[in-house]
Protein backbone atom coordinates (compact mmCIF):
# COMPACT_ATOMS: atom_id res chain seq x y z
CA LYS A 1 -3.62 5.60 -14.58
CA GLN A 2 -6.12 4.63 -17.41
CA LEU A 3 -8.62 3.47 -14.98
CA MET A 4 -8.47 6.75 -13.33
CA ILE A 5 -9.01 8.63 -16.23
CA SER A 6 -11.94 6.75 -17.10
CA MET A 7 -13.49 7.75 -13.63
CA GLY A 8 -12.98 11.27 -14.53
CA VAL A 9 -9.80 12.08 -13.05
CA ASN A 10 -8.01 15.15 -15.06
CA PRO A 11 -4.88 13.72 -16.42
CA LYS A 12 -2.98 16.36 -15.40
CA ASP A 13 -3.91 15.41 -11.80
CA ILE A 14 -2.07 12.13 -12.00
CA TYR A 15 1.27 11.65 -10.90
CA MET A 16 3.24 8.05 -11.16
CA GLU A 17 6.49 7.44 -9.80
CA THR A 18 8.14 4.47 -11.76
CA LYS A 19 11.68 4.22 -10.60
CA ALA A 20 11.32 2.94 -7.26
CA ARG A 21 12.16 -0.78 -6.12
CA ASN A 22 10.57 -0.83 -2.92
CA THR A 23 8.09 1.04 -0.62
CA ARG A 24 10.87 3.57 0.94
CA GLU A 25 12.04 4.32 -2.25
CA ASN A 26 8.48 4.73 -3.78
CA ALA A 27 7.90 7.33 -0.59
CA THR A 28 11.34 9.14 -1.43
CA TYR A 29 10.91 9.30 -5.29
CA SER A 30 7.27 10.57 -4.92
CA ALA A 31 8.48 13.49 -2.89
CA GLN A 32 10.96 14.29 -5.16
CA LEU A 33 8.48 14.22 -8.22
CA LEU A 34 5.60 16.03 -6.49
CA LYS A 35 7.61 19.00 -4.52
CA ASN A 36 7.56 20.81 -7.97
CA TYR A 37 3.94 20.19 -8.95
CA ILE A 38 1.93 20.27 -5.78
CA LYS A 39 1.25 22.83 -2.94
CA SER A 40 -0.38 20.64 -0.51
CA GLU A 41 1.51 17.84 1.16
CA GLU A 42 -1.73 15.74 1.47
CA VAL A 43 -1.52 12.82 -0.75
CA LEU A 44 -4.08 9.82 -1.82
CA LEU A 45 -2.15 6.73 -1.09
CA ILE A 46 -3.55 3.75 -3.00
CA THR A 47 -2.10 0.28 -2.07
CA SER A 48 -3.09 -3.01 -0.95
CA ALA A 49 -4.85 -3.38 2.63
CA MET A 50 -2.21 -5.45 3.78
CA HIS A 51 0.67 -3.08 2.62
CA MET A 52 -0.91 -0.05 4.00
CA PRO A 53 0.71 0.40 7.30
CA ARG A 54 4.05 0.10 6.02
CA SER A 55 3.31 2.33 3.16
CA ILE A 56 1.71 4.95 5.34
CA ARG A 57 4.75 5.25 7.66
CA CYS A 58 7.27 5.50 4.76
CA PHE A 59 5.22 8.26 3.23
CA GLU A 60 4.71 10.47 6.21
CA LYS A 61 8.34 9.87 6.93
CA ALA A 62 8.91 11.35 3.37
CA GLY A 63 6.77 14.26 4.40
CA PHE A 64 3.36 13.66 3.29
CA LYS A 65 0.17 13.76 4.92
CA VAL A 66 -1.56 10.75 3.77
CA LYS A 67 -5.15 9.90 3.07
CA ALA A 68 -5.17 6.14 2.79
CA TYR A 69 -7.15 4.37 0.20
CA PRO A 70 -6.55 0.63 0.97
CA VAL A 71 -7.48 -1.70 -2.04
CA ASP A 72 -8.02 -5.72 -2.41
CA LYS A 73 -9.40 -6.09 1.08
CA LYS A 74 -9.94 -9.93 1.46
CA GLY A 75 -13.00 -11.06 2.95
CA SER A 76 -13.50 -14.26 4.61
CA LYS A 77 -15.65 -17.04 2.96
CA ASN A 78 -18.31 -18.68 4.66
CA GLU A 79 -17.63 -21.68 5.95
CA SER A 80 -20.33 -24.46 5.27
CA GLY A 81 -19.83 -27.18 7.78
CA LEU A 82 -17.08 -28.56 10.36
CA LEU A 83 -14.79 -29.88 7.36
CA ASP A 84 -14.11 -26.07 6.32
CA LEU A 85 -13.41 -24.99 9.85
CA ILE A 86 -10.58 -27.43 10.39
CA THR A 87 -9.24 -27.95 7.09
CA PRO A 88 -6.46 -25.36 5.90
CA SER A 89 -7.27 -23.38 3.09
CA ASP A 90 -4.77 -22.56 0.24
CA GLN A 91 -6.19 -18.95 0.58
CA ASN A 92 -5.66 -18.61 4.21
CA LEU A 93 -2.00 -19.87 3.80
CA SER A 94 -1.25 -17.37 1.30
CA ARG A 95 -2.70 -14.80 3.52
CA THR A 96 -0.56 -15.96 6.25
CA SER A 97 2.75 -15.76 3.98
CA GLN A 98 1.42 -12.11 2.95
CA LEU A 99 1.32 -11.17 6.31
CA ILE A 100 4.32 -12.44 7.82
CA ARG A 101 6.06 -10.72 4.74
CA GLU A 102 4.52 -7.48 5.87
CA ILE A 103 5.21 -7.78 9.25
CA SER A 104 8.96 -8.85 8.67
CA GLY A 105 9.05 -5.87 6.07
CA LEU A 106 7.71 -3.10 8.84
CA ILE A 107 10.09 -4.55 11.22
CA ILE A 108 13.23 -4.18 9.06
CA TYR A 109 12.12 -0.85 8.04
CA LYS A 110 11.84 0.14 11.67
CA ILE A 111 15.32 -1.07 12.23
CA MET A 112 16.60 0.51 9.31
CA GLY A 113 14.94 3.80 10.21
CA TYR A 114 13.01 3.93 6.81
CA CYS A 115 9.71 4.50 8.46
């Protein structure tokens, strides 16, 4: 919130949902919070780039028109030689783990009807 204020956003225009334990709850609670304060259904959704697809689906299901603003995009590092191309990196293993978590979450949310 402080970052947004320092960038010139009016504090009255910032709404933060703080009760949710997961993406579905965040979308549901945000809809409840905002229905009394905003006339437009369009919201700016800020979350990690990898988490954005599931978040968009959940927020759309909650009735929002989503304008996505993904953050923390990961760029690839420059490989300097053959060894870099064939050696697994801890960064890529971490990304793979995050990707598996997001794909699993999206599948589970689809099965459960959350998004």
